[in-house]
């Protein structure tokens, strides 16, 4: 799900940077048994979900480090990116609650789901994109095309 030349889109190299950061960070957290790494990832992703790319440290760094590749890269819809990041933040947030209540295994499983989704996306299938598509299809069936379009532009 890319919008090839969308000026407001998120370049795919930055999307992939996010995926690799989540995958490597969560694997490190599990191997080192350090839940604080997942806490860091949670707080790193949270501003991007709340305020969008203008508040994303990953977008800021990726825009500068990957400038050469970003210029010619396909882009992803900011709405889709925010949807995917929201799923990751919700799962990482639930993991933080689990860690807080000493349910480390639950926290690592929830974090592992994020890592698995990132790995699958790196391999070429975006689980969040599939869920986003299904969500929009259900919205279209419930509210019709005119209302679904209006609801989609309002969010």
N, C-alpha and C. Protein backbone atom coordinates (compact mmCIF):
# COMPACT_ATOMS: atom_id res chain seq x y z
N UNK A 1 0.82 -1.18 0.00
CA UNK A 1 0.00 0.00 0.00
C UNK A 1 0.86 1.24 0.00
N UNK A 2 1.29 1.63 -1.16
CA UNK A 2 2.09 2.84 -1.25
C UNK A 2 1.43 3.81 -2.20
N UNK A 3 1.68 5.05 -1.98
CA UNK A 3 1.26 6.11 -2.89
C UNK A 3 2.54 6.62 -3.53
N UNK A 4 2.80 6.21 -4.75
CA UNK A 4 4.10 6.37 -5.38
C UNK A 4 4.71 7.76 -5.27
N UNK A 5 4.00 8.79 -5.63
CA UNK A 5 4.59 10.13 -5.63
C UNK A 5 3.78 11.10 -4.78
N UNK A 6 3.31 10.66 -3.67
CA UNK A 6 2.54 11.52 -2.78
C UNK A 6 3.49 12.45 -2.03
N UNK A 7 3.33 13.77 -2.18
CA UNK A 7 4.28 14.68 -1.54
C UNK A 7 4.24 14.62 -0.01
N UNK A 8 3.10 14.28 0.57
CA UNK A 8 2.99 14.22 2.03
C UNK A 8 3.23 12.82 2.58
N UNK A 9 3.54 11.87 1.71
CA UNK A 9 3.74 10.50 2.15
C UNK A 9 5.03 10.32 2.93
N UNK A 10 5.13 9.18 3.60
CA UNK A 10 6.32 8.83 4.36
C UNK A 10 7.18 7.95 3.45
N UNK A 11 8.42 8.35 3.17
CA UNK A 11 9.29 7.55 2.30
C UNK A 11 9.52 6.15 2.87
N UNK A 12 9.52 5.16 2.00
CA UNK A 12 9.67 3.76 2.43
C UNK A 12 10.98 3.50 3.19
N UNK A 13 12.09 4.17 2.86
CA UNK A 13 13.28 3.93 3.69
C UNK A 13 13.06 4.28 5.17
N UNK A 14 12.26 5.29 5.44
CA UNK A 14 11.96 5.66 6.83
C UNK A 14 11.03 4.62 7.45
N UNK A 15 10.07 4.14 6.67
CA UNK A 15 9.18 3.07 7.15
C UNK A 15 10.01 1.84 7.52
N UNK A 16 10.94 1.48 6.64
CA UNK A 16 11.79 0.31 6.91
C UNK A 16 12.72 0.55 8.09
N UNK A 17 13.20 1.78 8.27
CA UNK A 17 14.02 2.11 9.44
C UNK A 17 13.22 1.84 10.72
N UNK A 18 11.97 2.24 10.73
CA UNK A 18 11.11 2.00 11.89
C UNK A 18 10.94 0.51 12.14
N UNK A 19 10.70 -0.23 11.08
CA UNK A 19 10.51 -1.68 11.22
C UNK A 19 11.76 -2.35 11.78
N UNK A 20 12.91 -2.01 11.22
CA UNK A 20 14.17 -2.61 11.70
C UNK A 20 14.46 -2.20 13.14
N UNK A 21 14.19 -0.95 13.47
CA UNK A 21 14.41 -0.47 14.84
C UNK A 21 13.55 -1.25 15.83
N UNK A 22 12.29 -1.46 15.50
CA UNK A 22 11.40 -2.24 16.37
C UNK A 22 11.88 -3.68 16.49
N UNK A 23 12.22 -4.29 15.37
CA UNK A 23 12.65 -5.69 15.37
C UNK A 23 13.91 -5.88 16.19
N UNK A 24 14.94 -5.10 15.90
CA UNK A 24 16.22 -5.25 16.61
C UNK A 24 16.07 -4.87 18.08
N UNK A 25 15.35 -3.78 18.36
CA UNK A 25 15.16 -3.36 19.74
C UNK A 25 14.45 -4.39 20.59
N UNK A 26 13.41 -4.98 20.05
CA UNK A 26 12.64 -5.97 20.82
C UNK A 26 13.43 -7.26 20.98
N UNK A 27 14.14 -7.67 19.95
CA UNK A 27 14.99 -8.86 20.08
C UNK A 27 16.04 -8.64 21.16
N UNK A 28 16.67 -7.46 21.16
CA UNK A 28 17.65 -7.14 22.21
C UNK A 28 17.00 -7.17 23.59
N UNK A 29 15.82 -6.59 23.70
CA UNK A 29 15.12 -6.58 25.00
C UNK A 29 14.86 -7.99 25.50
N UNK A 30 14.45 -8.87 24.60
CA UNK A 30 14.16 -10.25 25.00
C UNK A 30 15.43 -11.00 25.36
N UNK A 31 16.45 -10.88 24.51
CA UNK A 31 17.71 -11.60 24.74
C UNK A 31 18.39 -11.11 26.02
N UNK A 32 18.41 -9.79 26.22
CA UNK A 32 19.07 -9.22 27.40
C UNK A 32 18.16 -9.17 28.63
N UNK A 33 16.88 -9.56 28.44
CA UNK A 33 15.90 -9.50 29.53
C UNK A 33 15.84 -8.09 30.13
N UNK A 34 15.74 -7.09 29.24
CA UNK A 34 15.70 -5.69 29.63
C UNK A 34 14.42 -5.03 29.13
N UNK A 35 13.37 -5.03 29.92
CA UNK A 35 12.12 -4.41 29.48
C UNK A 35 12.25 -2.91 29.22
N UNK A 36 13.27 -2.27 29.78
CA UNK A 36 13.44 -0.84 29.55
C UNK A 36 13.68 -0.52 28.07
N UNK A 37 14.20 -1.47 27.32
CA UNK A 37 14.38 -1.25 25.88
C UNK A 37 13.02 -1.11 25.22
N UNK A 38 12.06 -1.92 25.63
CA UNK A 38 10.71 -1.80 25.06
C UNK A 38 10.04 -0.50 25.54
N UNK A 39 10.38 -0.07 26.74
CA UNK A 39 9.86 1.20 27.25
C UNK A 39 10.38 2.34 26.38
N UNK A 40 11.67 2.29 26.04
CA UNK A 40 12.27 3.29 25.16
C UNK A 40 11.56 3.30 23.81
N UNK A 41 11.33 2.12 23.23
CA UNK A 41 10.64 2.04 21.94
C UNK A 41 9.22 2.59 22.03
N UNK A 42 8.54 2.30 23.14
CA UNK A 42 7.19 2.83 23.35
C UNK A 42 7.20 4.35 23.32
N UNK A 43 8.09 4.96 24.10
CA UNK A 43 8.14 6.42 24.16
C UNK A 43 8.72 7.04 22.88
N UNK A 44 9.48 6.29 22.13
CA UNK A 44 9.99 6.76 20.85
C UNK A 44 8.86 6.83 19.82
N UNK A 45 7.96 5.86 19.85
CA UNK A 45 6.87 5.78 18.88
C UNK A 45 5.66 6.64 19.25
N UNK A 46 5.45 6.86 20.54
CA UNK A 46 4.24 7.54 21.02
C UNK A 46 4.01 8.93 20.40
N UNK A 47 5.01 9.81 20.35
CA UNK A 47 4.75 11.13 19.75
C UNK A 47 4.32 11.07 18.29
N UNK A 48 4.85 10.11 17.54
CA UNK A 48 4.46 9.97 16.13
C UNK A 48 3.00 9.57 16.00
N UNK A 49 2.52 8.78 16.93
CA UNK A 49 1.11 8.37 16.91
C UNK A 49 0.22 9.54 17.30
N UNK A 50 0.63 10.30 18.28
CA UNK A 50 -0.21 11.40 18.77
C UNK A 50 -0.20 12.59 17.81
N UNK A 51 1.00 13.01 17.37
CA UNK A 51 1.13 14.23 16.58
C UNK A 51 1.56 14.01 15.12
N UNK A 52 1.82 12.80 14.72
CA UNK A 52 2.20 12.54 13.34
C UNK A 52 3.70 12.67 13.10
N UNK A 53 4.07 12.72 11.81
CA UNK A 53 5.48 12.68 11.45
C UNK A 53 6.27 13.89 11.95
N UNK A 54 5.61 15.01 12.14
CA UNK A 54 6.34 16.20 12.61
C UNK A 54 6.92 16.01 14.01
N UNK A 55 6.37 15.05 14.77
CA UNK A 55 6.86 14.79 16.13
C UNK A 55 7.65 13.49 16.23
N UNK A 56 7.93 12.88 15.08
CA UNK A 56 8.60 11.58 15.08
C UNK A 56 10.12 11.75 15.02
N UNK A 57 10.79 11.27 16.05
CA UNK A 57 12.25 11.31 16.05
C UNK A 57 12.81 10.40 14.96
N UNK A 58 12.15 9.28 14.71
CA UNK A 58 12.59 8.37 13.65
C UNK A 58 12.48 9.06 12.29
N UNK A 59 11.39 9.78 12.06
CA UNK A 59 11.23 10.51 10.80
C UNK A 59 12.29 11.60 10.68
N UNK A 60 12.55 12.31 11.75
CA UNK A 60 13.54 13.39 11.75
C UNK A 60 14.93 12.85 11.40
N UNK A 61 15.34 11.80 12.09
CA UNK A 61 16.67 11.21 11.86
C UNK A 61 16.72 10.55 10.48
N UNK A 62 15.67 9.79 10.15
CA UNK A 62 15.63 9.11 8.86
C UNK A 62 15.63 10.06 7.68
N UNK A 63 14.99 11.22 7.83
CA UNK A 63 14.97 12.21 6.76
C UNK A 63 16.37 12.72 6.44
N UNK A 64 17.20 12.80 7.45
CA UNK A 64 18.56 13.30 7.25
C UNK A 64 19.53 12.19 6.85
N UNK A 65 19.47 11.07 7.54
CA UNK A 65 20.40 9.98 7.25
C UNK A 65 20.12 9.30 5.91
N UNK A 66 18.87 9.23 5.52
CA UNK A 66 18.48 8.50 4.32
C UNK A 66 18.04 9.44 3.19
N UNK A 67 18.50 10.68 3.24
CA UNK A 67 18.06 11.71 2.29
C UNK A 67 18.22 11.26 0.83
N UNK A 68 19.34 10.64 0.52
CA UNK A 68 19.64 10.20 -0.84
C UNK A 68 18.58 9.20 -1.33
N UNK A 69 18.19 8.25 -0.48
CA UNK A 69 17.23 7.22 -0.86
C UNK A 69 15.80 7.72 -0.79
N UNK A 70 15.54 8.64 0.13
CA UNK A 70 14.18 9.17 0.28
C UNK A 70 13.72 9.94 -0.95
N UNK A 71 14.66 10.60 -1.62
CA UNK A 71 14.32 11.46 -2.76
C UNK A 71 13.62 10.69 -3.88
N UNK A 72 14.01 9.44 -4.10
CA UNK A 72 13.44 8.67 -5.20
C UNK A 72 12.56 7.51 -4.73
N UNK A 73 12.33 7.42 -3.45
CA UNK A 73 11.60 6.27 -2.89
C UNK A 73 10.09 6.42 -3.04
N UNK A 74 9.43 5.28 -3.09
CA UNK A 74 7.97 5.28 -2.98
C UNK A 74 7.61 5.73 -1.57
N UNK A 75 6.38 6.16 -1.41
CA UNK A 75 5.95 6.63 -0.09
C UNK A 75 4.75 5.83 0.38
N UNK A 76 4.50 5.93 1.68
CA UNK A 76 3.34 5.28 2.28
C UNK A 76 2.44 6.37 2.84
N UNK A 77 1.17 6.15 2.80
CA UNK A 77 0.19 7.10 3.31
C UNK A 77 0.44 7.40 4.79
N UNK A 78 0.44 8.67 5.17
CA UNK A 78 0.59 9.00 6.60
C UNK A 78 -0.51 8.37 7.47
N UNK A 79 -1.72 8.24 6.93
CA UNK A 79 -2.81 7.61 7.70
C UNK A 79 -2.50 6.14 7.97
N UNK A 80 -1.98 5.46 6.96
CA UNK A 80 -1.62 4.05 7.11
C UNK A 80 -0.46 3.90 8.09
N UNK A 81 0.52 4.78 7.97
CA UNK A 81 1.67 4.74 8.88
C UNK A 81 1.22 4.98 10.32
N UNK A 82 0.34 5.94 10.51
CA UNK A 82 -0.15 6.23 11.87
C UNK A 82 -0.96 5.06 12.41
N UNK A 83 -1.73 4.42 11.56
CA UNK A 83 -2.50 3.24 11.97
C UNK A 83 -1.56 2.13 12.43
N UNK A 84 -0.55 1.83 11.61
CA UNK A 84 0.42 0.79 11.96
C UNK A 84 1.17 1.13 13.25
N UNK A 85 1.60 2.38 13.36
CA UNK A 85 2.32 2.80 14.57
C UNK A 85 1.41 2.74 15.79
N UNK A 86 0.12 3.02 15.61
CA UNK A 86 -0.82 2.95 16.72
C UNK A 86 -0.93 1.53 17.26
N UNK A 87 -0.98 0.57 16.36
CA UNK A 87 -1.04 -0.83 16.79
C UNK A 87 0.21 -1.17 17.60
N UNK A 88 1.37 -0.76 17.09
CA UNK A 88 2.63 -1.04 17.79
C UNK A 88 2.65 -0.37 19.17
N UNK A 89 2.21 0.88 19.24
CA UNK A 89 2.21 1.60 20.51
C UNK A 89 1.23 0.98 21.50
N UNK A 90 0.07 0.57 21.03
CA UNK A 90 -0.90 -0.08 21.93
C UNK A 90 -0.31 -1.36 22.51
N UNK A 91 0.28 -2.19 21.65
CA UNK A 91 0.86 -3.45 22.13
C UNK A 91 2.05 -3.19 23.05
N UNK A 92 2.91 -2.23 22.69
CA UNK A 92 4.05 -1.92 23.56
C UNK A 92 3.57 -1.29 24.87
N UNK A 93 2.51 -0.51 24.82
CA UNK A 93 1.94 0.06 26.05
C UNK A 93 1.37 -1.02 26.96
N UNK A 94 0.70 -1.99 26.35
CA UNK A 94 0.19 -3.12 27.14
C UNK A 94 1.35 -3.92 27.73
N UNK A 95 2.44 -4.03 26.98
CA UNK A 95 3.63 -4.72 27.49
C UNK A 95 4.19 -3.98 28.70
N UNK A 96 4.17 -2.64 28.66
CA UNK A 96 4.69 -1.87 29.78
C UNK A 96 3.85 -2.10 31.03
N UNK A 97 2.55 -2.19 30.85
CA UNK A 97 1.66 -2.48 31.98
C UNK A 97 1.98 -3.87 32.54
N UNK A 98 2.19 -4.83 31.65
CA UNK A 98 2.53 -6.19 32.09
C UNK A 98 3.85 -6.19 32.87
N UNK A 99 4.85 -5.48 32.36
CA UNK A 99 6.13 -5.40 33.06
C UNK A 99 5.97 -4.74 34.43
N UNK A 100 5.13 -3.72 34.48
CA UNK A 100 4.88 -3.01 35.74
C UNK A 100 4.29 -3.94 36.80
N UNK A 101 3.45 -4.86 36.36
CA UNK A 101 2.82 -5.81 37.28
C UNK A 101 3.58 -7.13 37.38
N UNK A 102 4.85 -7.09 37.02
CA UNK A 102 5.75 -8.24 37.15
C UNK A 102 5.33 -9.44 36.29
N UNK A 103 4.55 -9.21 35.25
CA UNK A 103 4.16 -10.28 34.33
C UNK A 103 5.08 -10.20 33.11
N UNK A 104 6.36 -10.46 33.35
CA UNK A 104 7.37 -10.28 32.31
C UNK A 104 7.10 -11.11 31.06
N UNK A 105 6.67 -12.35 31.24
CA UNK A 105 6.42 -13.21 30.08
C UNK A 105 5.34 -12.59 29.18
N UNK A 106 4.28 -12.09 29.79
CA UNK A 106 3.22 -11.43 29.03
C UNK A 106 3.76 -10.21 28.30
N UNK A 107 4.58 -9.43 28.99
CA UNK A 107 5.19 -8.25 28.37
C UNK A 107 6.05 -8.60 27.17
N UNK A 108 6.84 -9.66 27.31
CA UNK A 108 7.69 -10.07 26.20
C UNK A 108 6.87 -10.67 25.05
N UNK A 109 5.78 -11.35 25.36
CA UNK A 109 4.92 -11.88 24.30
C UNK A 109 4.28 -10.74 23.51
N UNK A 110 3.75 -9.74 24.22
CA UNK A 110 3.16 -8.59 23.54
C UNK A 110 4.19 -7.84 22.70
N UNK A 111 5.38 -7.67 23.24
CA UNK A 111 6.46 -7.04 22.48
C UNK A 111 6.86 -7.91 21.29
N UNK A 112 6.87 -9.21 21.51
CA UNK A 112 7.22 -10.15 20.45
C UNK A 112 6.24 -10.09 19.28
N UNK A 113 4.98 -9.82 19.57
CA UNK A 113 3.99 -9.68 18.50
C UNK A 113 4.36 -8.49 17.61
N UNK A 114 4.81 -7.40 18.22
CA UNK A 114 5.25 -6.23 17.45
C UNK A 114 6.47 -6.59 16.61
N UNK A 115 7.42 -7.29 17.21
CA UNK A 115 8.62 -7.70 16.48
C UNK A 115 8.27 -8.62 15.32
N UNK A 116 7.36 -9.55 15.56
CA UNK A 116 6.93 -10.47 14.50
C UNK A 116 6.27 -9.72 13.35
N UNK A 117 5.41 -8.78 13.68
CA UNK A 117 4.75 -7.97 12.63
C UNK A 117 5.78 -7.16 11.85
N UNK A 118 6.78 -6.60 12.55
CA UNK A 118 7.84 -5.86 11.87
C UNK A 118 8.64 -6.77 10.94
N UNK A 119 8.95 -7.97 11.41
CA UNK A 119 9.70 -8.94 10.60
C UNK A 119 8.90 -9.34 9.36
N UNK A 120 7.63 -9.62 9.54
CA UNK A 120 6.78 -10.01 8.40
C UNK A 120 6.69 -8.85 7.40
N UNK A 121 6.60 -7.62 7.91
CA UNK A 121 6.55 -6.45 7.02
C UNK A 121 7.87 -6.28 6.25
N UNK A 122 8.98 -6.53 6.92
CA UNK A 122 10.28 -6.46 6.25
C UNK A 122 10.34 -7.50 5.13
N UNK A 123 9.74 -8.66 5.38
CA UNK A 123 9.72 -9.74 4.37
C UNK A 123 8.75 -9.45 3.23
N UNK A 124 7.88 -8.46 3.38
CA UNK A 124 7.04 -8.07 2.26
C UNK A 124 5.54 -8.07 2.48
N UNK A 125 5.06 -8.56 3.60
CA UNK A 125 3.62 -8.54 3.88
C UNK A 125 3.37 -7.70 5.11
N UNK A 126 2.64 -6.62 4.94
CA UNK A 126 2.36 -5.71 6.05
C UNK A 126 1.04 -6.10 6.72
N UNK A 127 1.13 -6.67 7.90
CA UNK A 127 -0.06 -7.10 8.65
C UNK A 127 -0.94 -5.88 8.97
N UNK A 128 -0.32 -4.79 9.39
CA UNK A 128 -1.08 -3.58 9.70
C UNK A 128 -1.80 -3.03 8.48
N UNK A 129 -1.16 -3.13 7.31
CA UNK A 129 -1.79 -2.68 6.07
C UNK A 129 -3.03 -3.51 5.77
N UNK A 130 -2.92 -4.81 5.99
CA UNK A 130 -4.06 -5.71 5.79
C UNK A 130 -5.20 -5.34 6.74
N UNK A 131 -4.87 -5.09 8.01
CA UNK A 131 -5.90 -4.70 8.98
C UNK A 131 -6.52 -3.36 8.62
N UNK A 132 -5.70 -2.42 8.14
CA UNK A 132 -6.18 -1.10 7.72
C UNK A 132 -7.17 -1.25 6.56
N UNK A 133 -6.81 -2.09 5.60
CA UNK A 133 -7.69 -2.36 4.46
C UNK A 133 -9.01 -2.96 4.93
N UNK A 134 -8.94 -3.96 5.81
CA UNK A 134 -10.15 -4.60 6.32
C UNK A 134 -11.02 -3.60 7.08
N UNK A 135 -10.38 -2.76 7.89
CA UNK A 135 -11.09 -1.72 8.64
C UNK A 135 -11.85 -0.79 7.68
N UNK A 136 -11.18 -0.35 6.63
CA UNK A 136 -11.82 0.55 5.67
C UNK A 136 -12.93 -0.14 4.88
N UNK A 137 -12.76 -1.43 4.59
CA UNK A 137 -13.81 -2.17 3.90
C UNK A 137 -15.06 -2.28 4.78
N UNK A 138 -14.86 -2.57 6.07
CA UNK A 138 -16.00 -2.67 7.00
C UNK A 138 -16.67 -1.31 7.15
N UNK A 139 -15.88 -0.26 7.22
CA UNK A 139 -16.42 1.09 7.34
C UNK A 139 -17.25 1.43 6.09
N UNK A 140 -16.75 1.03 4.94
CA UNK A 140 -17.47 1.27 3.69
C UNK A 140 -18.80 0.51 3.67
N UNK A 141 -18.78 -0.73 4.12
CA UNK A 141 -20.01 -1.54 4.14
C UNK A 141 -21.03 -0.97 5.13
N UNK A 142 -20.55 -0.46 6.26
CA UNK A 142 -21.46 0.06 7.28
C UNK A 142 -22.03 1.43 6.92
N UNK A 143 -21.18 2.31 6.38
CA UNK A 143 -21.58 3.70 6.19
C UNK A 143 -21.74 4.12 4.74
N UNK A 144 -21.35 3.28 3.80
CA UNK A 144 -21.42 3.63 2.38
C UNK A 144 -20.20 4.41 1.95
N UNK A 145 -20.04 4.57 0.66
CA UNK A 145 -18.81 5.18 0.14
C UNK A 145 -18.72 6.66 0.47
N UNK A 146 -19.83 7.40 0.40
CA UNK A 146 -19.78 8.83 0.67
C UNK A 146 -19.41 9.10 2.13
N UNK A 147 -20.09 8.44 3.04
CA UNK A 147 -19.82 8.63 4.46
C UNK A 147 -18.45 8.10 4.83
N UNK A 148 -18.05 6.96 4.26
CA UNK A 148 -16.73 6.39 4.56
C UNK A 148 -15.64 7.34 4.12
N UNK A 149 -15.83 8.00 2.96
CA UNK A 149 -14.84 8.96 2.48
C UNK A 149 -14.79 10.15 3.42
N UNK A 150 -15.95 10.64 3.84
CA UNK A 150 -16.00 11.77 4.76
C UNK A 150 -15.35 11.42 6.09
N UNK A 151 -15.62 10.22 6.60
CA UNK A 151 -15.02 9.79 7.86
C UNK A 151 -13.52 9.64 7.73
N UNK A 152 -13.06 9.14 6.59
CA UNK A 152 -11.64 8.91 6.36
C UNK A 152 -10.88 10.23 6.29
N UNK A 153 -11.47 11.27 5.70
CA UNK A 153 -10.78 12.55 5.60
C UNK A 153 -10.82 13.30 6.92
N UNK A 154 -11.78 13.00 7.76
CA UNK A 154 -11.89 13.68 9.05
C UNK A 154 -10.87 13.18 10.05
N UNK A 155 -10.39 11.95 9.90
CA UNK A 155 -9.48 11.39 10.89
C UNK A 155 -8.05 11.72 10.64
